[in-house]
Amino acid sequence: MLTLERISKTFQSGADRVTAIEEMDLTLERADLLTVIGSNGAGKSTLLNLIAGTFPPTSGRVLLSGTDVTSVSAHRRARRIGRIVQDPLAGTAPSMTVAENLALAVKRGGRTLRLALPRRVRRGFREQLAALGVGLEDRMDCCAALLSGGERQALTVLMATLARPEVLLLDEHTAALDPRNATMITDLTCDFIERQSLTTLMVTHNMEQAIAVGNRLIMMHKGRIVHELAGEEKRCAKVPQLVELFSRHHVADDELLLERVG
């Protein structure tokens, strides 16, 4: 489904060269949910940017369903790759209504749909919003700017999955929320992923969340995968075990080691 072949990314800043990702190989099969943890500067967000096409790799290839998309723009990849970022304000158009935001999400999937929505389409949106369980079905004509952070992120999750992407990227998408809303968004996201059998990468600083969610986990440090857990080993993992693994790789990151699910 998704394959990275010896992917590297080096940034040049004046006379300095910084290698953010170094010759990484990674393969995800359909319906894999891979959680990604690592210290600050480990290359987690760079990894997602390379997959999304935000910038090209210095070397290596990105393949999606067997097709080389390394040179394909982020705009064109967005039809096949959904992404949710940390800031709830970034995933929606604030001046547009809830219904109009959903219409835009469907158009991103390659379908034609006018913003003057037919009743049938509005009914479908209402049903999907009701399934979120946060009351947005009664606020379809409300501007997204008036929604709370949790409501906007719930809407963003629905928007990201409406076009049924081949790959979903989650970049610490619950980190800016309070514990209650973070749990709600995590549960909503996992429900969508399971129902649609989405191939997903979820970056998180929260080690309890990384253990609890998904069937695979990778630990990154200095642009490399330094450890992977899968299957029974991941299901039985505990936070102290991950802390010990980080210690073996000489990782000292207070934010990472202290993070917990609220």
C-alpha atoms as a PDB file:
ATOM      1  CA  MET A   1       0.000   0.000   0.000  1.00  0.00           C
ATOM      2  CA  LEU A   2       2.678   2.526   1.064  1.00  0.00           C
ATOM      3  CA  THR A   3       6.395   1.956   0.583  1.00  0.00           C
ATOM      4  CA  LEU A   4       9.351   4.185   1.342  1.00  0.00           C
ATOM      5  CA  GLU A   5      12.589   3.046  -0.300  1.00  0.00           C
ATOM      6  CA  ARG A   6      15.815   4.411   1.212  1.00  0.00           C
ATOM      7  CA  ILE A   7      14.211   7.813   1.770  1.00  0.00           C
ATOM      8  CA  SER A   8      16.491  10.626   2.935  1.00  0.00           C
ATOM      9  CA  LYS A   9      15.912  14.322   3.506  1.00  0.00           C
ATOM     10  CA  THR A  10      18.667  16.866   4.111  1.00  0.00           C
ATOM     11  CA  PHE A  11      18.026  20.553   4.763  1.00  0.00           C
ATOM     12  CA  GLN A  12      20.586  23.236   3.986  1.00  0.00           C
ATOM     13  CA  SER A  13      20.721  26.294   6.263  1.00  0.00           C
ATOM     14  CA  GLY A  14      23.602  28.524   5.287  1.00  0.00           C
ATOM     15  CA  ALA A  15      26.760  26.484   5.748  1.00  0.00           C
ATOM     16  CA  ASP A  16      24.948  23.875   7.855  1.00  0.00           C
ATOM     17  CA  ARG A  17      23.438  20.658   6.525  1.00  0.00           C
ATOM     18  CA  VAL A  18      20.895  18.851   8.671  1.00  0.00           C
ATOM     19  CA  THR A  19      19.807  15.304   7.857  1.00  0.00           C
ATOM     20  CA  ALA A  20      16.209  14.935   9.073  1.00  0.00           C
ATOM     21  CA  ILE A  21      15.569  11.471   7.573  1.00  0.00           C
ATOM     22  CA  GLU A  22      18.392   9.080   6.749  1.00  0.00           C
ATOM     23  CA  GLU A  23      17.928   6.208   4.265  1.00  0.00           C
ATOM     24  CA  MET A  24      14.668   4.978   5.758  1.00  0.00           C
ATOM     25  CA  ASP A  25      12.870   1.881   4.486  1.00  0.00           C
ATOM     26  CA  LEU A  26       9.250   1.453   5.564  1.00  0.00           C
ATOM     27  CA  THR A  27       6.291  -0.528   4.220  1.00  0.00           C
ATOM     28  CA  LEU A  28       2.675  -0.328   5.350  1.00  0.00           C
ATOM     29  CA  GLU A  29       0.063  -2.821   4.213  1.00  0.00           C
ATOM     30  CA  ARG A  30      -3.636  -2.055   3.815  1.00  0.00           C
ATOM     31  CA  ALA A  31      -5.325  -1.337   7.184  1.00  0.00           C
ATOM     32  CA  ASP A  32      -2.022  -1.036   9.062  1.00  0.00           C
ATOM     33  CA  LEU A  33      -2.201   1.610  11.792  1.00  0.00           C
ATOM     34  CA  LEU A  34       1.364   2.582  12.598  1.00  0.00           C
ATOM     35  CA  THR A  35       2.052   4.854  15.566  1.00  0.00           C
ATOM     36  CA  VAL A  36       5.272   6.874  15.471  1.00  0.00           C
ATOM     37  CA  ILE A  37       7.072   8.171  18.559  1.00  0.00           C
ATOM     38  CA  GLY A  38      10.412   9.882  18.986  1.00  0.00           C
ATOM     39  CA  SER A  39      12.208  12.765  20.602  1.00  0.00           C
ATOM     40  CA  ASN A  40      11.938  16.339  19.369  1.00  0.00           C
ATOM     41  CA  GLY A  41      13.839  16.594  16.096  1.00  0.00           C
ATOM     42  CA  ALA A  42      13.666  12.852  15.439  1.00  0.00           C
ATOM     43  CA  GLY A  43      12.176  13.461  11.981  1.00  0.00           C
ATOM     44  CA  LYS A  44       8.568  12.467  12.654  1.00  0.00           C
ATOM     45  CA  SER A  45       6.885  15.435  10.960  1.00  0.00           C
ATOM     46  CA  THR A  46       9.459  15.381   8.161  1.00  0.00           C
ATOM     47  CA  LEU A  47       8.485  11.761   7.523  1.00  0.00           C
ATOM     48  CA  LEU A  48       4.825  12.761   7.120  1.00  0.00           C
ATOM     49  CA  ASN A  49       5.786  15.701   4.883  1.00  0.00           C
ATOM     50  CA  LEU A  50       7.731  13.390   2.588  1.00  0.00           C
ATOM     51  CA  ILE A  51       4.752  11.046   2.317  1.00  0.00           C
ATOM     52  CA  ALA A  52       2.316  13.923   1.718  1.00  0.00           C
ATOM     53  CA  GLY A  53       4.604  15.521  -0.876  1.00  0.00           C
ATOM     54  CA  THR A  54       5.060  18.783   1.022  1.00  0.00           C
ATOM     55  CA  PHE A  55       8.648  18.677  -0.153  1.00  0.00           C
ATOM     56  CA  PRO A  56      10.664  16.155  -2.185  1.00  0.00           C
ATOM     57  CA  PRO A  57      13.155  13.726  -0.680  1.00  0.00           C
ATOM     58  CA  THR A  58      16.865  14.304  -1.175  1.00  0.00           C
ATOM     59  CA  SER A  59      17.059  10.687  -2.277  1.00  0.00           C
ATOM     60  CA  GLY A  60      14.883   7.583  -2.334  1.00  0.00           C
ATOM     61  CA  ARG A  61      11.363   6.841  -3.517  1.00  0.00           C
ATOM     62  CA  VAL A  62       7.764   6.986  -2.257  1.00  0.00           C
ATOM     63  CA  LEU A  63       5.385   4.387  -3.699  1.00  0.00           C
ATOM     64  CA  LEU A  64       1.614   4.376  -3.202  1.00  0.00           C
ATOM     65  CA  SER A  65      -0.235   1.215  -4.188  1.00  0.00           C
ATOM     66  CA  GLY A  66       2.782   0.270  -6.283  1.00  0.00           C
ATOM     67  CA  THR A  67       2.946   3.598  -8.134  1.00  0.00           C
ATOM     68  CA  ASP A  68       5.998   5.854  -7.765  1.00  0.00           C
ATOM     69  CA  VAL A  69       4.639   9.202  -6.506  1.00  0.00           C
ATOM     70  CA  THR A  70       7.999  10.710  -5.502  1.00  0.00           C
ATOM     71  CA  SER A  71       7.677  13.553  -8.015  1.00  0.00           C
ATOM     72  CA  VAL A  72       3.899  13.985  -7.651  1.00  0.00           C
ATOM     73  CA  SER A  73       2.869  17.313  -6.056  1.00  0.00           C
ATOM     74  CA  ALA A  74       1.234  17.546  -2.632  1.00  0.00           C
ATOM     75  CA  HIS A  75      -1.925  18.905  -4.291  1.00  0.00           C
ATOM     76  CA  ARG A  76      -2.283  15.828  -6.484  1.00  0.00           C
ATOM     77  CA  ARG A  77      -1.372  13.457  -3.656  1.00  0.00           C
ATOM     78  CA  ALA A  78      -4.108  15.022  -1.494  1.00  0.00           C
ATOM     79  CA  ARG A  79      -6.660  13.107  -3.562  1.00  0.00           C
ATOM     80  CA  ARG A  80      -5.152   9.897  -2.223  1.00  0.00           C
ATOM     81  CA  ILE A  81      -3.627  10.961   1.088  1.00  0.00           C
ATOM     82  CA  GLY A  82      -5.610  12.551   3.922  1.00  0.00           C
ATOM     83  CA  ARG A  83      -3.890  14.506   6.678  1.00  0.00           C
ATOM     84  CA  ILE A  84      -4.929  15.916  10.041  1.00  0.00           C
ATOM     85  CA  VAL A  85      -2.546  18.234  11.874  1.00  0.00           C
ATOM     86  CA  GLN A  86      -2.260  19.350  15.487  1.00  0.00           C
ATOM     87  CA  ASP A  87      -3.985  22.744  15.145  1.00  0.00           C
ATOM     88  CA  PRO A  88      -7.806  22.393  14.979  1.00  0.00           C
ATOM     89  CA  LEU A  89      -7.899  25.750  13.158  1.00  0.00           C
ATOM     90  CA  ALA A  90      -5.830  24.415  10.250  1.00  0.00           C
ATOM     91  CA  GLY A  91      -8.121  21.656   9.008  1.00  0.00           C
ATOM     92  CA  THR A  92     -11.192  23.698   8.091  1.00  0.00           C
ATOM     93  CA  ALA A  93     -12.087  26.861   6.189  1.00  0.00           C
ATOM     94  CA  PRO A  94     -13.197  29.128   9.067  1.00  0.00           C
ATOM     95  CA  SER A  95     -15.402  31.488   7.007  1.00  0.00           C
ATOM     96  CA  MET A  96     -17.340  28.610   5.454  1.00  0.00           C
ATOM     97  CA  THR A  97     -20.154  26.654   7.061  1.00  0.00           C
ATOM     98  CA  VAL A  98     -19.898  23.101   8.346  1.00  0.00           C
ATOM     99  CA  ALA A  99     -21.805  21.849   5.282  1.00  0.00           C
ATOM    100  CA  GLU A 100     -19.615  23.842   2.882  1.00  0.00           C
ATOM    101  CA  ASN A 101     -16.470  22.431   4.486  1.00  0.00           C
ATOM    102  CA  LEU A 102     -17.801  18.917   3.953  1.00  0.00           C
ATOM    103  CA  ALA A 103     -18.579  19.745   0.325  1.00  0.00           C
ATOM    104  CA  LEU A 104     -14.991  20.898  -0.204  1.00  0.00           C
ATOM    105  CA  ALA A 105     -13.712  17.669   1.324  1.00  0.00           C
ATOM    106  CA  VAL A 106     -15.776  15.615  -1.108  1.00  0.00           C
ATOM    107  CA  LYS A 107     -14.534  17.687  -4.069  1.00  0.00           C
ATOM    108  CA  ARG A 108     -10.951  17.008  -2.997  1.00  0.00           C
ATOM    109  CA  GLY A 109     -11.735  13.371  -3.626  1.00  0.00           C
ATOM    110  CA  GLY A 110     -12.245  14.122  -7.316  1.00  0.00           C
ATOM    111  CA  ARG A 111     -16.036  14.339  -7.398  1.00  0.00           C
ATOM    112  CA  THR A 112     -18.013  17.317  -8.657  1.00  0.00           C
ATOM    113  CA  LEU A 113     -20.252  18.993  -6.117  1.00  0.00           C
ATOM    114  CA  ARG A 114     -21.580  22.535  -5.954  1.00  0.00           C
ATOM    115  CA  LEU A 115     -21.685  24.387  -2.664  1.00  0.00           C
ATOM    116  CA  ALA A 116     -25.441  24.939  -3.192  1.00  0.00           C
ATOM    117  CA  LEU A 117     -26.069  21.514  -1.741  1.00  0.00           C
ATOM    118  CA  PRO A 118     -29.035  19.394  -2.850  1.00  0.00           C
ATOM    119  CA  ARG A 119     -31.296  18.121  -0.072  1.00  0.00           C
ATOM    120  CA  ARG A 120     -30.118  14.555  -0.618  1.00  0.00           C
ATOM    121  CA  VAL A 121     -26.501  15.555  -0.043  1.00  0.00           C
ATOM    122  CA  ARG A 122     -27.413  17.623   3.019  1.00  0.00           C
ATOM    123  CA  ARG A 123     -29.269  14.638   4.458  1.00  0.00           C
ATOM    124  CA  GLY A 124     -26.197  12.490   3.943  1.00  0.00           C
ATOM    125  CA  PHE A 125     -23.966  15.065   5.619  1.00  0.00           C
ATOM    126  CA  ARG A 126     -26.412  15.359   8.513  1.00  0.00           C
ATOM    127  CA  GLU A 127     -26.346  11.605   9.093  1.00  0.00           C
ATOM    128  CA  GLN A 128     -22.544  11.540   9.027  1.00  0.00           C
ATOM    129  CA  LEU A 129     -22.311  14.495  11.402  1.00  0.00           C
ATOM    130  CA  ALA A 130     -24.811  12.887  13.780  1.00  0.00           C
ATOM    131  CA  ALA A 131     -22.593   9.805  13.939  1.00  0.00           C
ATOM    132  CA  LEU A 132     -19.812  11.989  15.407  1.00  0.00           C
ATOM    133  CA  GLY A 133     -21.918  12.461  18.530  1.00  0.00           C
ATOM    134  CA  VAL A 134     -20.950  16.106  19.138  1.00  0.00           C
ATOM    135  CA  GLY A 135     -24.127  17.850  17.890  1.00  0.00           C
ATOM    136  CA  LEU A 136     -22.765  19.209  14.605  1.00  0.00           C
ATOM    137  CA  GLU A 137     -25.761  17.847  12.682  1.00  0.00           C
ATOM    138  CA  ASP A 138     -27.759  20.758  14.132  1.00  0.00           C
ATOM    139  CA  ARG A 139     -25.092  23.339  13.191  1.00  0.00           C
ATOM    140  CA  MET A 140     -24.598  22.610   9.501  1.00  0.00           C
ATOM    141  CA  ASP A 141     -25.090  26.273   8.557  1.00  0.00           C
ATOM    142  CA  CYS A 142     -22.783  27.530  11.307  1.00  0.00           C
ATOM    143  CA  CYS A 143     -19.375  28.932  10.290  1.00  0.00           C
ATOM    144  CA  ALA A 144     -16.511  26.668  11.281  1.00  0.00           C
ATOM    145  CA  ALA A 145     -14.859  29.608  13.062  1.00  0.00           C
ATOM    146  CA  LEU A 146     -17.572  29.436  15.728  1.00  0.00           C
ATOM    147  CA  LEU A 147     -16.902  25.789  16.630  1.00  0.00           C
ATOM    148  CA  SER A 148     -14.850  24.725  19.642  1.00  0.00           C
ATOM    149  CA  GLY A 149     -11.464  23.072  19.159  1.00  0.00           C
ATOM    150  CA  GLY A 150     -12.903  19.611  19.753  1.00  0.00           C
ATOM    151  CA  GLU A 151     -15.801  20.224  17.368  1.00  0.00           C
ATOM    152  CA  ARG A 152     -13.494  21.526  14.647  1.00  0.00           C
ATOM    153  CA  GLN A 153     -11.161  18.564  14.995  1.00  0.00           C
ATOM    154  CA  ALA A 154     -14.134  16.170  14.869  1.00  0.00           C
ATOM    155  CA  LEU A 155     -15.239  17.895  11.658  1.00  0.00           C
ATOM    156  CA  THR A 156     -11.686  17.637  10.320  1.00  0.00           C
ATOM    157  CA  VAL A 157     -11.627  13.878  10.980  1.00  0.00           C
ATOM    158  CA  LEU A 158     -14.855  13.461   9.020  1.00  0.00           C
ATOM    159  CA  MET A 159     -13.542  15.682   6.196  1.00  0.00           C
ATOM    160  CA  ALA A 160     -10.281  13.722   5.961  1.00  0.00           C
ATOM    161  CA  THR A 161     -12.106  10.418   5.589  1.00  0.00           C
ATOM    162  CA  LEU A 162     -15.028  11.480   3.368  1.00  0.00           C
ATOM    163  CA  ALA A 163     -12.980  11.042   0.187  1.00  0.00           C
ATOM    164  CA  ARG A 164     -11.797   7.613   1.432  1.00  0.00           C
ATOM    165  CA  PRO A 165      -8.053   8.235   1.119  1.00  0.00           C
ATOM    166  CA  GLU A 166      -5.636   5.387   0.544  1.00  0.00           C
ATOM    167  CA  VAL A 167      -3.426   6.669   3.369  1.00  0.00           C
ATOM    168  CA  LEU A 168      -4.297   8.810   6.398  1.00  0.00           C
ATOM    169  CA  LEU A 169      -1.600  10.873   8.161  1.00  0.00           C
ATOM    170  CA  LEU A 170      -2.206  12.039  11.738  1.00  0.00           C
ATOM    171  CA  ASP A 171       0.334  14.595  12.954  1.00  0.00           C
ATOM    172  CA  GLU A 172      -0.211  14.812  16.744  1.00  0.00           C
ATOM    173  CA  HIS A 173      -3.851  15.563  15.938  1.00  0.00           C
ATOM    174  CA  THR A 174      -5.015  15.433  19.579  1.00  0.00           C
ATOM    175  CA  ALA A 175      -2.086  17.310  21.173  1.00  0.00           C
ATOM    176  CA  ALA A 176      -3.789  20.728  21.227  1.00  0.00           C
ATOM    177  CA  LEU A 177      -6.986  19.442  22.848  1.00  0.00           C
ATOM    178  CA  ASP A 178      -7.943  19.045  26.486  1.00  0.00           C
ATOM    179  CA  PRO A 179      -7.891  15.430  27.789  1.00  0.00           C
ATOM    180  CA  ARG A 180     -11.635  14.866  27.342  1.00  0.00           C
ATOM    181  CA  ASN A 181     -11.682  16.083  23.749  1.00  0.00           C
ATOM    182  CA  ALA A 182      -8.397  14.294  22.994  1.00  0.00           C
ATOM    183  CA  THR A 183      -9.958  10.993  24.048  1.00  0.00           C
ATOM    184  CA  MET A 184     -13.098  11.730  22.029  1.00  0.00           C
ATOM    185  CA  ILE A 185     -11.122  12.556  18.871  1.00  0.00           C
ATOM    186  CA  THR A 186      -8.887   9.485  19.285  1.00  0.00           C
ATOM    187  CA  ASP A 187     -11.958   7.239  19.575  1.00  0.00           C
ATOM    188  CA  LEU A 188     -13.634   8.886  16.557  1.00  0.00           C
ATOM    189  CA  THR A 189     -10.493   8.566  14.466  1.00  0.00           C
ATOM    190  CA  CYS A 190      -9.958   4.913  15.329  1.00  0.00           C
ATOM    191  CA  ASP A 191     -13.604   4.174  14.516  1.00  0.00           C
ATOM    192  CA  PHE A 192     -13.263   5.724  11.039  1.00  0.00           C
ATOM    193  CA  ILE A 193      -9.970   3.928  10.450  1.00  0.00           C
ATOM    194  CA  GLU A 194     -11.420   0.555  11.409  1.00  0.00           C
ATOM    195  CA  ARG A 195     -14.645   0.956   9.421  1.00  0.00           C
ATOM    196  CA  GLN A 196     -12.815   2.076   6.264  1.00  0.00           C
ATOM    197  CA  SER A 197      -9.761  -0.195   6.712  1.00  0.00           C
ATOM    198  CA  LEU A 198      -7.529   2.867   6.274  1.00  0.00           C
ATOM    199  CA  THR A 199      -3.761   2.609   6.124  1.00  0.00           C
ATOM    200  CA  THR A 200      -2.651   5.126   8.757  1.00  0.00           C
ATOM    201  CA  LEU A 201       0.458   6.716  10.268  1.00  0.00           C
ATOM    202  CA  MET A 202      -0.123   8.485  13.571  1.00  0.00           C
ATOM    203  CA  VAL A 203       2.637  10.645  15.060  1.00  0.00           C
ATOM    204  CA  THR A 204       2.262  11.163  18.793  1.00  0.00           C
ATOM    205  CA  HIS A 205       4.328  12.282  21.786  1.00  0.00           C
ATOM    206  CA  ASN A 206       2.045  10.264  24.039  1.00  0.00           C
ATOM    207  CA  MET A 207       3.547   6.835  24.679  1.00  0.00           C
ATOM    208  CA  GLU A 208       0.398   5.417  26.285  1.00  0.00           C
ATOM    209  CA  GLN A 209      -1.568   6.445  23.209  1.00  0.00           C
ATOM    210  CA  ALA A 210       1.099   4.971  20.915  1.00  0.00           C
ATOM    211  CA  ILE A 211       0.812   1.635  22.706  1.00  0.00           C
ATOM    212  CA  ALA A 212      -2.989   1.586  22.911  1.00  0.00           C
ATOM    213  CA  VAL A 213      -3.657   2.493  19.262  1.00  0.00           C
ATOM    214  CA  GLY A 214      -2.793   0.506  16.158  1.00  0.00           C
ATOM    215  CA  ASN A 215      -1.078  -2.754  15.283  1.00  0.00           C
ATOM    216  CA  ARG A 216       2.478  -1.427  14.810  1.00  0.00           C
ATOM    217  CA  LEU A 217       4.733   1.105  16.531  1.00  0.00           C
ATOM    218  CA  ILE A 218       8.054   2.573  15.455  1.00  0.00           C
ATOM    219  CA  MET A 219      10.481   4.563  17.543  1.00  0.00           C
ATOM    220  CA  MET A 220      12.494   7.232  15.699  1.00  0.00           C
ATOM    221  CA  HIS A 221      15.703   8.988  16.664  1.00  0.00           C
ATOM    222  CA  LYS A 222      17.909  11.236  14.537  1.00  0.00           C
ATOM    223  CA  GLY A 223      16.050  10.429  11.338  1.00  0.00           C
ATOM    224  CA  ARG A 224      16.155   6.664  11.710  1.00  0.00           C
ATOM    225  CA  ILE A 225      13.844   3.918  12.922  1.00  0.00           C
ATOM    226  CA  VAL A 226      15.641   2.573  15.987  1.00  0.00           C
ATOM    227  CA  HIS A 227      13.005   0.086  17.140  1.00  0.00           C
ATOM    228  CA  GLU A 228       9.716  -1.430  15.979  1.00  0.00           C
ATOM    229  CA  LEU A 229       7.001  -3.220  17.939  1.00  0.00           C
ATOM    230  CA  ALA A 230       4.257  -5.269  16.294  1.00  0.00           C
ATOM    231  CA  GLY A 231       1.812  -8.037  17.069  1.00  0.00           C
ATOM    232  CA  GLU A 232       1.927  -9.567  20.533  1.00  0.00           C
ATOM    233  CA  GLU A 233       5.030  -7.588  21.484  1.00  0.00           C
ATOM    234  CA  LYS A 234       3.154  -4.312  20.938  1.00  0.00           C
ATOM    235  CA  ARG A 235      -0.019  -5.518  22.657  1.00  0.00           C
ATOM    236  CA  CYS A 236       1.980  -6.428  25.760  1.00  0.00           C
ATOM    237  CA  ALA A 237       4.172  -3.315  25.781  1.00  0.00           C
ATOM    238  CA  LYS A 238       4.157  -0.885  28.710  1.00  0.00           C
ATOM    239  CA  VAL A 239       5.390   2.704  28.989  1.00  0.00           C
ATOM    240  CA  PRO A 240       8.381   1.784  31.217  1.00  0.00           C
ATOM    241  CA  GLN A 241       9.538  -0.587  28.483  1.00  0.00           C
ATOM    242  CA  LEU A 242       9.482   2.244  25.918  1.00  0.00           C
ATOM    243  CA  VAL A 243      11.293   4.551  28.324  1.00  0.00           C
ATOM    244  CA  GLU A 244      13.988   1.902  28.725  1.00  0.00           C
ATOM    245  CA  LEU A 245      14.288   1.539  24.948  1.00  0.00           C
ATOM    246  CA  PHE A 246      14.757   5.291  24.593  1.00  0.00           C
ATOM    247  CA  SER A 247      17.369   5.240  27.318  1.00  0.00           C
ATOM    248  CA  ARG A 248      19.307   2.567  25.426  1.00  0.00           C
ATOM    249  CA  HIS A 249      19.474   4.952  22.475  1.00  0.00           C
ATOM    250  CA  HIS A 250      20.559   7.822  24.739  1.00  0.00           C
ATOM    251  CA  VAL A 251      17.357   9.792  24.193  1.00  0.00           C
ATOM    252  CA  ALA A 252      16.667  12.392  26.900  1.00  0.00           C
ATOM    253  CA  ASP A 253      13.467  14.296  26.125  1.00  0.00           C
ATOM    254  CA  ASP A 254      11.408  15.373  29.131  1.00  0.00           C
ATOM    255  CA  GLU A 255       8.330  16.192  27.035  1.00  0.00           C
ATOM    256  CA  LEU A 256       8.334  12.731  25.518  1.00  0.00           C
ATOM    257  CA  LEU A 257       9.052  10.808  28.686  1.00  0.00           C
ATOM    258  CA  LEU A 258       6.495  12.630  30.808  1.00  0.00           C
ATOM    259  CA  GLU A 259       3.611  12.625  28.317  1.00  0.00           C
ATOM    260  CA  ARG A 260       0.551  10.634  29.360  1.00  0.00           C
ATOM    261  CA  VAL A 261      -3.006  10.129  28.222  1.00  0.00           C
ATOM    262  CA  GLY A 262      -5.399  12.328  30.160  1.00  0.00           C
END
